Amino acid sequence: SSTDRQVKLWDMGTQKCIHAFSGVHTDNVWQVAFDQSGDSLASVG
């Protein structure tokens, strides 16, 4: 996550962005966190 207001997901095998969540936050996104299962991702801003 970034000051650009985006949350991005990356494939570490290819170092390619596989998804960008644009427009879900309107200001700095301070934190991203996966749950213990890896099935849920949270972001706060």
Full PDB file with SEQRES, HELIX, SHEET, SSBOND, CRYST1, ORIGX, SCALE, CONECT and MASTER records, all heavy atoms in Angstrom:
SEQRES   1 A   45  SER SER THR ASP ARG GLN VAL LYS LEU TRP ASP MET GLY          
SEQRES   2 A   45  THR GLN LYS CYS ILE HIS ALA PHE SER GLY VAL HIS THR          
SEQRES   3 A   45  ASP ASN VAL TRP GLN VAL ALA PHE ASP GLN SER GLY ASP          
SEQRES   4 A   45  SER LEU ALA SER VAL GLY                                      
SHEET    1 AA1 2 VAL A   7  ASP A  11  0                                        
SHEET    2 AA1 2 LYS A  16  PHE A  21 -1                                        
SHEET    1 AA2 2 GLN A  31  PHE A  34  0                                        
SHEET    2 AA2 2 LEU A  41  VAL A  44 -1                                        
CRYST1    1.000    1.000    1.000  90.00  90.00  90.00 P 1           1          
ORIGX1      1.000000  0.000000  0.000000        0.00000                         
ORIGX2      0.000000  1.000000  0.000000        0.00000                         
ORIGX3      0.000000  0.000000  1.000000        0.00000                         
SCALE1      1.000000  0.000000  0.000000        0.00000                         
SCALE2      0.000000  1.000000  0.000000        0.00000                         
SCALE3      0.000000  0.000000  1.000000        0.00000                         
ATOM      1  N   SER A   1       0.849  -1.192   0.000  1.00  0.00           N  
ATOM      2  CA  SER A   1       0.000   0.000   0.000  1.00  0.00           C  
ATOM      3  C   SER A   1       0.876   1.230   0.000  1.00  0.00           C  
ATOM      4  O   SER A   1       2.073   1.168   0.303  1.00  0.00           O  
ATOM      5  CB  SER A   1      -0.935   0.008   1.213  1.00  0.00           C  
ATOM      6  OG  SER A   1      -0.201   0.217   2.412  1.00  0.00           O  
ATOM      7  N   SER A   2       0.248   2.389  -0.308  1.00  0.00           N  
ATOM      8  CA  SER A   2       1.069   3.556  -0.610  1.00  0.00           C  
ATOM      9  C   SER A   2       0.324   4.857  -0.364  1.00  0.00           C  
ATOM     10  O   SER A   2      -0.900   4.889  -0.154  1.00  0.00           O  
ATOM     11  CB  SER A   2       1.509   3.475  -2.087  1.00  0.00           C  
ATOM     12  OG  SER A   2       2.087   4.663  -2.552  1.00  0.00           O  
ATOM     13  N   THR A   3       1.098   5.939  -0.438  1.00  0.00           N  
ATOM     14  CA  THR A   3       0.509   7.278  -0.431  1.00  0.00           C  
ATOM     15  C   THR A   3      -0.238   7.566  -1.718  1.00  0.00           C  
ATOM     16  O   THR A   3      -0.938   8.581  -1.806  1.00  0.00           O  
ATOM     17  CB  THR A   3       1.599   8.346  -0.235  1.00  0.00           C  
ATOM     18  OG1 THR A   3       2.599   8.198  -1.249  1.00  0.00           O  
ATOM     19  CG2 THR A   3       2.248   8.237   1.139  1.00  0.00           C  
ATOM     20  N   ASP A   4      -0.101   6.700  -2.719  1.00  0.00           N  
ATOM     21  CA  ASP A   4      -0.850   6.905  -3.966  1.00  0.00           C  
ATOM     22  C   ASP A   4      -2.292   6.406  -3.862  1.00  0.00           C  
ATOM     23  O   ASP A   4      -3.017   6.386  -4.854  1.00  0.00           O  
ATOM     24  CB  ASP A   4      -0.142   6.266  -5.160  1.00  0.00           C  
ATOM     25  CG  ASP A   4      -0.099   4.734  -5.101  1.00  0.00           C  
ATOM     26  OD1 ASP A   4      -0.687   4.131  -4.178  1.00  0.00           O  
ATOM     27  OD2 ASP A   4       0.553   4.130  -5.981  1.00  0.00           O  
ATOM     28  N   ARG A   5      -2.691   5.978  -2.647  1.00  0.00           N  
ATOM     29  CA  ARG A   5      -4.059   5.570  -2.326  1.00  0.00           C  
ATOM     30  C   ARG A   5      -4.428   4.200  -2.874  1.00  0.00           C  
ATOM     31  O   ARG A   5      -5.606   3.819  -2.863  1.00  0.00           O  
ATOM     32  CB  ARG A   5      -5.079   6.606  -2.816  1.00  0.00           C  
ATOM     33  CG  ARG A   5      -4.784   8.032  -2.358  1.00  0.00           C  
ATOM     34  CD  ARG A   5      -5.740   9.023  -2.959  1.00  0.00           C  
ATOM     35  NE  ARG A   5      -5.396  10.395  -2.565  1.00  0.00           N  
ATOM     36  CZ  ARG A   5      -6.076  11.472  -2.939  1.00  0.00           C  
ATOM     37  NH1 ARG A   5      -7.137  11.334  -3.725  1.00  0.00           N  
ATOM     38  NH2 ARG A   5      -5.708  12.662  -2.541  1.00  0.00           N  
ATOM     39  N   GLN A   6      -3.445   3.463  -3.321  1.00  0.00           N  
ATOM     40  CA  GLN A   6      -3.721   2.154  -3.913  1.00  0.00           C  
ATOM     41  C   GLN A   6      -3.252   1.013  -3.023  1.00  0.00           C  
ATOM     42  O   GLN A   6      -2.302   1.144  -2.246  1.00  0.00           O  
ATOM     43  CB  GLN A   6      -3.031   2.029  -5.277  1.00  0.00           C  
ATOM     44  CG  GLN A   6      -3.646   2.864  -6.377  1.00  0.00           C  
ATOM     45  CD  GLN A   6      -3.136   2.455  -7.745  1.00  0.00           C  
ATOM     46  OE1 GLN A   6      -2.030   1.941  -7.892  1.00  0.00           O  
ATOM     47  NE2 GLN A   6      -3.949   2.676  -8.768  1.00  0.00           N  
ATOM     48  N   VAL A   7      -3.943  -0.112  -3.180  1.00  0.00           N  
ATOM     49  CA  VAL A   7      -3.520  -1.399  -2.643  1.00  0.00           C  
ATOM     50  C   VAL A   7      -3.248  -2.302  -3.832  1.00  0.00           C  
ATOM     51  O   VAL A   7      -4.079  -2.395  -4.750  1.00  0.00           O  
ATOM     52  CB  VAL A   7      -4.610  -2.028  -1.747  1.00  0.00           C  
ATOM     53  CG1 VAL A   7      -4.203  -3.432  -1.305  1.00  0.00           C  
ATOM     54  CG2 VAL A   7      -4.878  -1.147  -0.539  1.00  0.00           C  
ATOM     55  N   LYS A   8      -2.079  -2.943  -3.844  1.00  0.00           N  
ATOM     56  CA  LYS A   8      -1.718  -3.800  -4.971  1.00  0.00           C  
ATOM     57  C   LYS A   8      -1.355  -5.199  -4.484  1.00  0.00           C  
ATOM     58  O   LYS A   8      -0.809  -5.368  -3.392  1.00  0.00           O  
ATOM     59  CB  LYS A   8      -0.540  -3.206  -5.746  1.00  0.00           C  
ATOM     60  CG  LYS A   8      -0.870  -1.932  -6.512  1.00  0.00           C  
ATOM     61  CD  LYS A   8       0.316  -1.471  -7.360  1.00  0.00           C  
ATOM     62  CE  LYS A   8      -0.022  -0.237  -8.178  1.00  0.00           C  
ATOM     63  NZ  LYS A   8       1.115   0.186  -9.040  1.00  0.00           N  
ATOM     64  N   LEU A   9      -1.648  -6.178  -5.340  1.00  0.00           N  
ATOM     65  CA  LEU A   9      -1.234  -7.556  -5.109  1.00  0.00           C  
ATOM     66  C   LEU A   9      -0.219  -7.942  -6.175  1.00  0.00           C  
ATOM     67  O   LEU A   9      -0.390  -7.629  -7.363  1.00  0.00           O  
ATOM     68  CB  LEU A   9      -2.433  -8.503  -5.166  1.00  0.00           C  
ATOM     69  CG  LEU A   9      -3.485  -8.367  -4.063  1.00  0.00           C  
ATOM     70  CD1 LEU A   9      -4.597  -9.373  -4.280  1.00  0.00           C  
ATOM     71  CD2 LEU A   9      -2.858  -8.548  -2.690  1.00  0.00           C  
ATOM     72  N   TRP A  10       0.828  -8.649  -5.728  1.00  0.00           N  
ATOM     73  CA  TRP A  10       1.932  -9.014  -6.608  1.00  0.00           C  
ATOM     74  C   TRP A  10       2.185 -10.514  -6.551  1.00  0.00           C  
ATOM     75  O   TRP A  10       2.081 -11.129  -5.494  1.00  0.00           O  
ATOM     76  CB  TRP A  10       3.220  -8.296  -6.170  1.00  0.00           C  
ATOM     77  CG  TRP A  10       3.093  -6.809  -6.094  1.00  0.00           C  
ATOM     78  CD1 TRP A  10       2.598  -6.073  -5.041  1.00  0.00           C  
ATOM     79  CD2 TRP A  10       3.462  -5.870  -7.100  1.00  0.00           C  
ATOM     80  NE1 TRP A  10       2.633  -4.740  -5.339  1.00  0.00           N  
ATOM     81  CE2 TRP A  10       3.168  -4.579  -6.590  1.00  0.00           C  
ATOM     82  CE3 TRP A  10       4.022  -5.986  -8.375  1.00  0.00           C  
ATOM     83  CZ2 TRP A  10       3.411  -3.421  -7.321  1.00  0.00           C  
ATOM     84  CZ3 TRP A  10       4.271  -4.843  -9.096  1.00  0.00           C  
ATOM     85  CH2 TRP A  10       3.964  -3.575  -8.577  1.00  0.00           C  
ATOM     86  N   ASP A  11       2.540 -11.083  -7.709  1.00  0.00           N  
ATOM     87  CA  ASP A  11       2.995 -12.469  -7.791  1.00  0.00           C  
ATOM     88  C   ASP A  11       4.511 -12.445  -7.628  1.00  0.00           C  
ATOM     89  O   ASP A  11       5.227 -11.888  -8.458  1.00  0.00           O  
ATOM     90  CB  ASP A  11       2.613 -13.063  -9.146  1.00  0.00           C  
ATOM     91  CG  ASP A  11       3.019 -14.515  -9.300  1.00  0.00           C  
ATOM     92  OD1 ASP A  11       3.990 -14.948  -8.650  1.00  0.00           O  
ATOM     93  OD2 ASP A  11       2.385 -15.239 -10.085  1.00  0.00           O  
ATOM     94  N   MET A  12       5.012 -13.039  -6.536  1.00  0.00           N  
ATOM     95  CA  MET A  12       6.440 -12.966  -6.291  1.00  0.00           C  
ATOM     96  C   MET A  12       7.249 -13.865  -7.203  1.00  0.00           C  
ATOM     97  O   MET A  12       8.461 -13.712  -7.306  1.00  0.00           O  
ATOM     98  CB  MET A  12       6.729 -13.301  -4.823  1.00  0.00           C  
ATOM     99  CG  MET A  12       6.335 -12.183  -3.881  1.00  0.00           C  
ATOM    100  SD  MET A  12       7.279 -10.660  -4.176  1.00  0.00           S  
ATOM    101  CE  MET A  12       6.250  -9.790  -5.371  1.00  0.00           C  
ATOM    102  N   GLY A  13       6.597 -14.777  -7.892  1.00  0.00           N  
ATOM    103  CA  GLY A  13       7.323 -15.579  -8.859  1.00  0.00           C  
ATOM    104  C   GLY A  13       7.736 -14.776 -10.075  1.00  0.00           C  
ATOM    105  O   GLY A  13       8.815 -14.977 -10.637  1.00  0.00           O  
ATOM    106  N   THR A  14       6.874 -13.830 -10.456  1.00  0.00           N  
ATOM    107  CA  THR A  14       7.137 -13.017 -11.651  1.00  0.00           C  
ATOM    108  C   THR A  14       7.427 -11.561 -11.333  1.00  0.00           C  
ATOM    109  O   THR A  14       7.838 -10.803 -12.209  1.00  0.00           O  
ATOM    110  CB  THR A  14       5.926 -13.069 -12.598  1.00  0.00           C  
ATOM    111  OG1 THR A  14       4.785 -12.504 -11.924  1.00  0.00           O  
ATOM    112  CG2 THR A  14       5.606 -14.503 -12.990  1.00  0.00           C  
ATOM    113  N   GLN A  15       7.198 -11.144 -10.088  1.00  0.00           N  
ATOM    114  CA  GLN A  15       7.291  -9.746  -9.656  1.00  0.00           C  
ATOM    115  C   GLN A  15       6.346  -8.851 -10.463  1.00  0.00           C  
ATOM    116  O   GLN A  15       6.621  -7.672 -10.705  1.00  0.00           O  
ATOM    117  CB  GLN A  15       8.725  -9.192  -9.742  1.00  0.00           C  
ATOM    118  CG  GLN A  15       9.713  -9.867  -8.816  1.00  0.00           C  
ATOM    119  CD  GLN A  15      10.263 -11.146  -9.409  1.00  0.00           C  
ATOM    120  OE1 GLN A  15      10.808 -11.113 -10.508  1.00  0.00           O  
ATOM    121  NE2 GLN A  15      10.153 -12.250  -8.693  1.00  0.00           N  
ATOM    122  N   LYS A  16       5.228  -9.417 -10.878  1.00  0.00           N  
ATOM    123  CA  LYS A  16       4.227  -8.673 -11.637  1.00  0.00           C  
ATOM    124  C   LYS A  16       3.005  -8.379 -10.769  1.00  0.00           C  
ATOM    125  O   LYS A  16       2.618  -9.198  -9.927  1.00  0.00           O  
ATOM    126  CB  LYS A  16       3.787  -9.465 -12.878  1.00  0.00           C  
ATOM    127  CG  LYS A  16       4.912  -9.790 -13.843  1.00  0.00           C  
ATOM    128  CD  LYS A  16       5.490  -8.542 -14.494  1.00  0.00           C  
ATOM    129  CE  LYS A  16       6.530  -8.905 -15.545  1.00  0.00           C  
ATOM    130  NZ  LYS A  16       7.145  -7.678 -16.149  1.00  0.00           N  
ATOM    131  N   CYS A  17       2.410  -7.205 -11.000  1.00  0.00           N  
ATOM    132  CA  CYS A  17       1.182  -6.859 -10.301  1.00  0.00           C  
ATOM    133  C   CYS A  17       0.031  -7.675 -10.876  1.00  0.00           C  
ATOM    134  O   CYS A  17      -0.200  -7.674 -12.089  1.00  0.00           O  
ATOM    135  CB  CYS A  17       0.897  -5.368 -10.452  1.00  0.00           C  
ATOM    136  SG  CYS A  17      -0.611  -4.813  -9.618  1.00  0.00           S  
ATOM    137  N   ILE A  18      -0.691  -8.386 -10.008  1.00  0.00           N  
ATOM    138  CA  ILE A  18      -1.801  -9.206 -10.488  1.00  0.00           C  
ATOM    139  C   ILE A  18      -3.144  -8.537 -10.218  1.00  0.00           C  
ATOM    140  O   ILE A  18      -4.158  -8.940 -10.772  1.00  0.00           O  
ATOM    141  CB  ILE A  18      -1.776 -10.615  -9.868  1.00  0.00           C  
ATOM    142  CG1 ILE A  18      -1.745 -10.555  -8.335  1.00  0.00           C  
ATOM    143  CG2 ILE A  18      -0.576 -11.387 -10.387  1.00  0.00           C  
ATOM    144  CD1 ILE A  18      -1.777 -11.920  -7.671  1.00  0.00           C  
ATOM    145  N   HIS A  19      -3.134  -7.493  -9.368  1.00  0.00           N  
ATOM    146  CA  HIS A  19      -4.374  -6.742  -9.150  1.00  0.00           C  
ATOM    147  C   HIS A  19      -4.056  -5.440  -8.428  1.00  0.00           C  
ATOM    148  O   HIS A  19      -3.205  -5.412  -7.541  1.00  0.00           O  
ATOM    149  CB  HIS A  19      -5.379  -7.538  -8.315  1.00  0.00           C  
ATOM    150  CG  HIS A  19      -6.768  -6.984  -8.363  1.00  0.00           C  
ATOM    151  ND1 HIS A  19      -7.654  -7.269  -9.381  1.00  0.00           N  
ATOM    152  CD2 HIS A  19      -7.420  -6.134  -7.538  1.00  0.00           C  
ATOM    153  CE1 HIS A  19      -8.794  -6.635  -9.166  1.00  0.00           C  
ATOM    154  NE2 HIS A  19      -8.671  -5.929  -8.056  1.00  0.00           N  
ATOM    155  N   ALA A  20      -4.729  -4.372  -8.832  1.00  0.00           N  
ATOM    156  CA  ALA A  20      -4.617  -3.078  -8.157  1.00  0.00           C  
ATOM    157  C   ALA A  20      -6.009  -2.628  -7.746  1.00  0.00           C  
ATOM    158  O   ALA A  20      -6.913  -2.537  -8.586  1.00  0.00           O  
ATOM    159  CB  ALA A  20      -3.964  -2.048  -9.068  1.00  0.00           C  
ATOM    160  N   PHE A  21      -6.184  -2.381  -6.457  1.00  0.00           N  
ATOM    161  CA  PHE A  21      -7.450  -1.861  -5.946  1.00  0.00           C  
ATOM    162  C   PHE A  21      -7.372  -0.342  -5.990  1.00  0.00           C  
ATOM    163  O   PHE A  21      -6.755   0.287  -5.125  1.00  0.00           O  
ATOM    164  CB  PHE A  21      -7.694  -2.324  -4.515  1.00  0.00           C  
ATOM    165  CG  PHE A  21      -7.880  -3.815  -4.375  1.00  0.00           C  
ATOM    166  CD1 PHE A  21      -6.811  -4.628  -4.033  1.00  0.00           C  
ATOM    167  CD2 PHE A  21      -9.116  -4.396  -4.582  1.00  0.00           C  
ATOM    168  CE1 PHE A  21      -6.975  -5.992  -3.894  1.00  0.00           C  
ATOM    169  CE2 PHE A  21      -9.301  -5.759  -4.440  1.00  0.00           C  
ATOM    170  CZ  PHE A  21      -8.224  -6.569  -4.097  1.00  0.00           C  
ATOM    171  N   SER A  22      -7.963   0.246  -6.998  1.00  0.00           N  
ATOM    172  CA  SER A  22      -7.961   1.697  -7.138  1.00  0.00           C  
ATOM    173  C   SER A  22      -9.339   2.238  -6.763  1.00  0.00           C  
ATOM    174  O   SER A  22     -10.361   1.635  -7.085  1.00  0.00           O  
ATOM    175  CB  SER A  22      -7.619   2.098  -8.578  1.00  0.00           C  
ATOM    176  OG  SER A  22      -6.342   1.620  -8.942  1.00  0.00           O  
ATOM    177  N   GLY A  23      -9.339   3.360  -6.066  1.00  0.00           N  
ATOM    178  CA  GLY A  23     -10.602   3.995  -5.718  1.00  0.00           C  
ATOM    179  C   GLY A  23     -11.260   3.482  -4.466  1.00  0.00           C  
ATOM    180  O   GLY A  23     -12.321   3.982  -4.070  1.00  0.00           O  
ATOM    181  N   VAL A  24     -10.652   2.476  -3.795  1.00  0.00           N  
ATOM    182  CA  VAL A  24     -11.259   1.964  -2.560  1.00  0.00           C  
ATOM    183  C   VAL A  24     -10.890   2.844  -1.368  1.00  0.00           C  
ATOM    184  O   VAL A  24     -11.608   2.889  -0.368  1.00  0.00           O  
ATOM    185  CB  VAL A  24     -10.852   0.498  -2.295  1.00  0.00           C  
ATOM    186  CG1 VAL A  24     -11.421  -0.405  -3.373  1.00  0.00           C  
ATOM    187  CG2 VAL A  24      -9.341   0.345  -2.204  1.00  0.00           C  
ATOM    188  N   HIS A  25      -9.741   3.534  -1.449  1.00  0.00           N  
ATOM    189  CA  HIS A  25      -9.342   4.508  -0.434  1.00  0.00           C  
ATOM    190  C   HIS A  25      -9.179   5.865  -1.100  1.00  0.00           C  
ATOM    191  O   HIS A  25      -8.835   5.960  -2.287  1.00  0.00           O  
ATOM    192  CB  HIS A  25      -8.030   4.099   0.236  1.00  0.00           C  
ATOM    193  CG  HIS A  25      -8.163   2.974   1.201  1.00  0.00           C  
ATOM    194  ND1 HIS A  25      -8.667   3.130   2.476  1.00  0.00           N  
ATOM    195  CD2 HIS A  25      -7.845   1.648   1.079  1.00  0.00           C  
ATOM    196  CE1 HIS A  25      -8.653   1.974   3.101  1.00  0.00           C  
ATOM    197  NE2 HIS A  25      -8.164   1.044   2.280  1.00  0.00           N  
ATOM    198  N   THR A  26      -9.393   6.907  -0.331  1.00  0.00           N  
ATOM    199  CA  THR A  26      -9.304   8.267  -0.870  1.00  0.00           C  
ATOM    200  C   THR A  26      -8.139   9.047  -0.267  1.00  0.00           C  
ATOM    201  O   THR A  26      -8.016  10.244  -0.488  1.00  0.00           O  
ATOM    202  CB  THR A  26     -10.608   9.039  -0.605  1.00  0.00           C  
ATOM    203  OG1 THR A  26     -10.859   9.080   0.810  1.00  0.00           O  
ATOM    204  CG2 THR A  26     -11.784   8.367  -1.306  1.00  0.00           C  
ATOM    205  N   ASP A  27      -7.285   8.375   0.500  1.00  0.00           N  
ATOM    206  CA  ASP A  27      -6.125   9.020   1.113  1.00  0.00           C  
ATOM    207  C   ASP A  27      -5.068   7.931   1.349  1.00  0.00           C  
ATOM    208  O   ASP A  27      -5.248   6.784   0.931  1.00  0.00           O  
ATOM    209  CB  ASP A  27      -6.529   9.708   2.418  1.00  0.00           C  
ATOM    210  CG  ASP A  27      -5.667  10.929   2.737  1.00  0.00           C  
ATOM    211  OD1 ASP A  27      -4.470  10.911   2.368  1.00  0.00           O  
ATOM    212  OD2 ASP A  27      -6.163  11.873   3.364  1.00  0.00           O  
ATOM    213  N   ASN A  28      -3.981   8.301   2.018  1.00  0.00           N  
ATOM    214  CA  ASN A  28      -2.900   7.363   2.287  1.00  0.00           C  
ATOM    215  C   ASN A  28      -3.428   6.046   2.853  1.00  0.00           C  
ATOM    216  O   ASN A  28      -4.269   6.048   3.754  1.00  0.00           O  
ATOM    217  CB  ASN A  28      -1.919   7.944   3.299  1.00  0.00           C  
ATOM    218  CG  ASN A  28      -1.188   9.167   2.804  1.00  0.00           C  
ATOM    219  OD1 ASN A  28      -1.177   9.455   1.607  1.00  0.00           O  
ATOM    220  ND2 ASN A  28      -0.570   9.896   3.718  1.00  0.00           N  
ATOM    221  N   VAL A  29      -2.911   4.932   2.332  1.00  0.00           N  
ATOM    222  CA  VAL A  29      -3.275   3.606   2.848  1.00  0.00           C  
ATOM    223  C   VAL A  29      -2.131   3.165   3.755  1.00  0.00           C  
ATOM    224  O   VAL A  29      -1.064   2.758   3.281  1.00  0.00           O  
ATOM    225  CB  VAL A  29      -3.512   2.593   1.716  1.00  0.00           C  
ATOM    226  CG1 VAL A  29      -4.032   1.282   2.297  1.00  0.00           C  
ATOM    227  CG2 VAL A  29      -4.480   3.139   0.683  1.00  0.00           C  
ATOM    228  N   TRP A  30      -2.361   3.226   5.068  1.00  0.00           N  
ATOM    229  CA  TRP A  30      -1.279   3.064   6.020  1.00  0.00           C  
ATOM    230  C   TRP A  30      -0.890   1.609   6.248  1.00  0.00           C  
ATOM    231  O   TRP A  30       0.252   1.320   6.574  1.00  0.00           O  
ATOM    232  CB  TRP A  30      -1.650   3.700   7.358  1.00  0.00           C  
ATOM    233  CG  TRP A  30      -1.723   5.190   7.332  1.00  0.00           C  
ATOM    234  CD1 TRP A  30      -2.833   5.979   7.452  1.00  0.00           C  
ATOM    235  CD2 TRP A  30      -0.627   6.106   7.168  1.00  0.00           C  
ATOM    236  NE1 TRP A  30      -2.508   7.313   7.369  1.00  0.00           N  
ATOM    237  CE2 TRP A  30      -1.160   7.418   7.197  1.00  0.00           C  
ATOM    238  CE3 TRP A  30       0.749   5.945   6.997  1.00  0.00           C  
ATOM    239  CZ2 TRP A  30      -0.359   8.562   7.068  1.00  0.00           C  
ATOM    240  CZ3 TRP A  30       1.546   7.075   6.866  1.00  0.00           C  
ATOM    241  CH2 TRP A  30       0.997   8.363   6.908  1.00  0.00           C  
ATOM    242  N   GLN A  31      -1.833   0.684   6.111  1.00  0.00           N  
ATOM    243  CA  GLN A  31      -1.520  -0.692   6.487  1.00  0.00           C  
ATOM    244  C   GLN A  31      -2.304  -1.677   5.641  1.00  0.00           C  
ATOM    245  O   GLN A  31      -3.483  -1.457   5.326  1.00  0.00           O  
ATOM    246  CB  GLN A  31      -1.880  -0.924   7.958  1.00  0.00           C  
ATOM    247  CG  GLN A  31      -1.544  -2.306   8.492  1.00  0.00           C  
ATOM    248  CD  GLN A  31      -0.167  -2.379   9.094  1.00  0.00           C  
ATOM    249  OE1 GLN A  31       0.163  -1.614   9.981  1.00  0.00           O  
ATOM    250  NE2 GLN A  31       0.655  -3.314   8.639  1.00  0.00           N  
ATOM    251  N   VAL A  32      -1.628  -2.768   5.263  1.00  0.00           N  
ATOM    252  CA  VAL A  32      -2.291  -3.943   4.703  1.00  0.00           C  
ATOM    253  C   VAL A  32      -1.927  -5.135   5.566  1.00  0.00           C  
ATOM    254  O   VAL A  32      -0.829  -5.202   6.125  1.00  0.00           O  
ATOM    255  CB  VAL A  32      -1.896  -4.200   3.231  1.00  0.00           C  
ATOM    256  CG1 VAL A  32      -2.538  -3.188   2.306  1.00  0.00           C  
ATOM    257  CG2 VAL A  32      -0.381  -4.221   3.050  1.00  0.00           C  
ATOM    258  N   ALA A  33      -2.846  -6.102   5.692  1.00  0.00           N  
ATOM    259  CA  ALA A  33      -2.593  -7.267   6.541  1.00  0.00           C  
ATOM    260  C   ALA A  33      -3.401  -8.452   6.047  1.00  0.00           C  
ATOM    261  O   ALA A  33      -4.614  -8.334   5.838  1.00  0.00           O  
ATOM    262  CB  ALA A  33      -2.954  -6.959   7.996  1.00  0.00           C  
ATOM    263  N   PHE A  34      -2.728  -9.591   5.854  1.00  0.00           N  
ATOM    264  CA  PHE A  34      -3.402 -10.850   5.546  1.00  0.00           C  
ATOM    265  C   PHE A  34      -3.814 -11.537   6.847  1.00  0.00           C  
ATOM    266  O   PHE A  34      -3.113 -11.449   7.865  1.00  0.00           O  
ATOM    267  CB  PHE A  34      -2.468 -11.798   4.792  1.00  0.00           C  
ATOM    268  CG  PHE A  34      -2.387 -11.553   3.310  1.00  0.00           C  
ATOM    269  CD1 PHE A  34      -1.292 -10.903   2.767  1.00  0.00           C  
ATOM    270  CD2 PHE A  34      -3.395 -11.982   2.457  1.00  0.00           C  
ATOM    271  CE1 PHE A  34      -1.195 -10.691   1.399  1.00  0.00           C  
ATOM    272  CE2 PHE A  34      -3.319 -11.782   1.089  1.00  0.00           C  
ATOM    273  CZ  PHE A  34      -2.207 -11.135   0.550  1.00  0.00           C  
ATOM    274  N   ASP A  35      -4.949 -12.265   6.795  1.00  0.00           N  
ATOM    275  CA  ASP A  35      -5.311 -13.078   7.943  1.00  0.00           C  
ATOM    276  C   ASP A  35      -4.496 -14.365   7.932  1.00  0.00           C  
ATOM    277  O   ASP A  35      -3.691 -14.616   7.021  1.00  0.00           O  
ATOM    278  CB  ASP A  35      -6.817 -13.355   7.981  1.00  0.00           C  
ATOM    279  CG  ASP A  35      -7.293 -14.329   6.905  1.00  0.00           C  
ATOM    280  OD1 ASP A  35      -6.519 -14.668   5.987  1.00  0.00           O  
ATOM    281  OD2 ASP A  35      -8.461 -14.760   6.987  1.00  0.00           O  
ATOM    282  N   GLN A  36      -4.673 -15.197   8.965  1.00  0.00           N  
ATOM    283  CA  GLN A  36      -3.839 -16.394   9.114  1.00  0.00           C  
ATOM    284  C   GLN A  36      -4.071 -17.418   8.008  1.00  0.00           C  
ATOM    285  O   GLN A  36      -3.195 -18.232   7.725  1.00  0.00           O  
ATOM    286  CB  GLN A  36      -4.082 -17.029  10.491  1.00  0.00           C  
ATOM    287  CG  GLN A  36      -3.419 -16.313  11.649  1.00  0.00           C  
ATOM    288  CD  GLN A  36      -4.148 -15.055  12.108  1.00  0.00           C  
ATOM    289  OE1 GLN A  36      -5.296 -14.813  11.736  1.00  0.00           O  
ATOM    290  NE2 GLN A  36      -3.488 -14.251  12.925  1.00  0.00           N  
ATOM    291  N   SER A  37      -5.223 -17.373   7.359  1.00  0.00           N  
ATOM    292  CA  SER A  37      -5.511 -18.321   6.276  1.00  0.00           C  
ATOM    293  C   SER A  37      -5.006 -17.843   4.926  1.00  0.00           C  
ATOM    294  O   SER A  37      -4.870 -18.634   3.988  1.00  0.00           O  
ATOM    295  CB  SER A  37      -7.017 -18.572   6.183  1.00  0.00           C  
ATOM    296  OG  SER A  37      -7.688 -17.426   5.666  1.00  0.00           O  
ATOM    297  N   GLY A  38      -4.746 -16.555   4.808  1.00  0.00           N  
ATOM    298  CA  GLY A  38      -4.361 -15.978   3.527  1.00  0.00           C  
ATOM    299  C   GLY A  38      -5.529 -15.694   2.613  1.00  0.00           C  
ATOM    300  O   GLY A  38      -5.349 -15.202   1.501  1.00  0.00           O  
ATOM    301  N   ASP A  39      -6.758 -15.974   3.076  1.00  0.00           N  
ATOM    302  CA  ASP A  39      -7.944 -15.793   2.240  1.00  0.00           C  
ATOM    303  C   ASP A  39      -8.543 -14.395   2.342  1.00  0.00           C  
ATOM    304  O   ASP A  39      -9.370 -14.010   1.519  1.00  0.00           O  
ATOM    305  CB  ASP A  39      -9.021 -16.815   2.609  1.00  0.00           C  
ATOM    306  CG  ASP A  39      -8.620 -18.234   2.257  1.00  0.00           C  
ATOM    307  OD1 ASP A  39      -7.779 -18.405   1.358  1.00  0.00           O  
ATOM    308  OD2 ASP A  39      -9.126 -19.173   2.899  1.00  0.00           O  
ATOM    309  N   SER A  40      -8.158 -13.645   3.372  1.00  0.00           N  
ATOM    310  CA  SER A  40      -8.691 -12.298   3.550  1.00  0.00           C  
ATOM    311  C   SER A  40      -7.546 -11.312   3.717  1.00  0.00           C  
ATOM    312  O   SER A  40      -6.549 -11.600   4.384  1.00  0.00           O  
ATOM    313  CB  SER A  40      -9.606 -12.218   4.781  1.00  0.00           C  
ATOM    314  OG  SER A  40     -10.769 -13.008   4.607  1.00  0.00           O  
ATOM    315  N   LEU A  41      -7.713 -10.158   3.102  1.00  0.00           N  
ATOM    316  CA  LEU A  41      -6.738  -9.076   3.191  1.00  0.00           C  
ATOM    317  C   LEU A  41      -7.474  -7.832   3.662  1.00  0.00           C  
ATOM    318  O   LEU A  41      -8.562  -7.518   3.166  1.00  0.00           O  
ATOM    319  CB  LEU A  41      -6.104  -8.810   1.823  1.00  0.00           C  
ATOM    320  CG  LEU A  41      -5.181  -7.591   1.711  1.00  0.00           C  
ATOM    321  CD1 LEU A  41      -3.872  -7.835   2.451  1.00  0.00           C  
ATOM    322  CD2 LEU A  41      -4.917  -7.250   0.235  1.00  0.00           C  
ATOM    323  N   ALA A  42      -6.894  -7.141   4.634  1.00  0.00           N  
ATOM    324  CA  ALA A  42      -7.480  -5.896   5.117  1.00  0.00           C  
ATOM    325  C   ALA A  42      -6.562  -4.732   4.779  1.00  0.00           C  
ATOM    326  O   ALA A  42      -5.341  -4.875   4.732  1.00  0.00           O  
ATOM    327  CB  ALA A  42      -7.702  -5.952   6.624  1.00  0.00           C  
ATOM    328  N   SER A  43      -7.169  -3.567   4.556  1.00  0.00           N  
ATOM    329  CA  SER A  43      -6.403  -2.334   4.399  1.00  0.00           C  
ATOM    330  C   SER A  43      -7.095  -1.225   5.174  1.00  0.00           C  
ATOM    331  O   SER A  43      -8.327  -1.196   5.282  1.00  0.00           O  
ATOM    332  CB  SER A  43      -6.264  -1.944   2.917  1.00  0.00           C  
ATOM    333  OG  SER A  43      -7.529  -1.641   2.343  1.00  0.00           O  
ATOM    334  N   VAL A  44      -6.293  -0.317   5.737  1.00  0.00           N  
ATOM    335  CA  VAL A  44      -6.822   0.819   6.492  1.00  0.00           C  
ATOM    336  C   VAL A  44      -6.075   2.070   6.072  1.00  0.00           C  
ATOM    337  O   VAL A  44      -4.918   2.014   5.660  1.00  0.00           O  
ATOM    338  CB  VAL A  44      -6.683   0.607   8.015  1.00  0.00           C  
ATOM    339  CG1 VAL A  44      -7.517  -0.573   8.477  1.00  0.00           C  
ATOM    340  CG2 VAL A  44      -5.226   0.421   8.427  1.00  0.00           C  
ATOM    341  N   GLY A  45      -6.766   3.224   6.190  1.00  0.00           N  
ATOM    342  CA  GLY A  45      -6.136   4.433   5.691  1.00  0.00           C  
ATOM    343  C   GLY A  45      -6.527   5.697   6.421  1.00  0.00           C  
ATOM    344  O   GLY A  45      -7.333   5.689   7.360  1.00  0.00           O  
TER     345      GLY A  45                                                      
MASTER        0    0    0    0    4    0    0    6  344    1    0    4          
END                                                                             
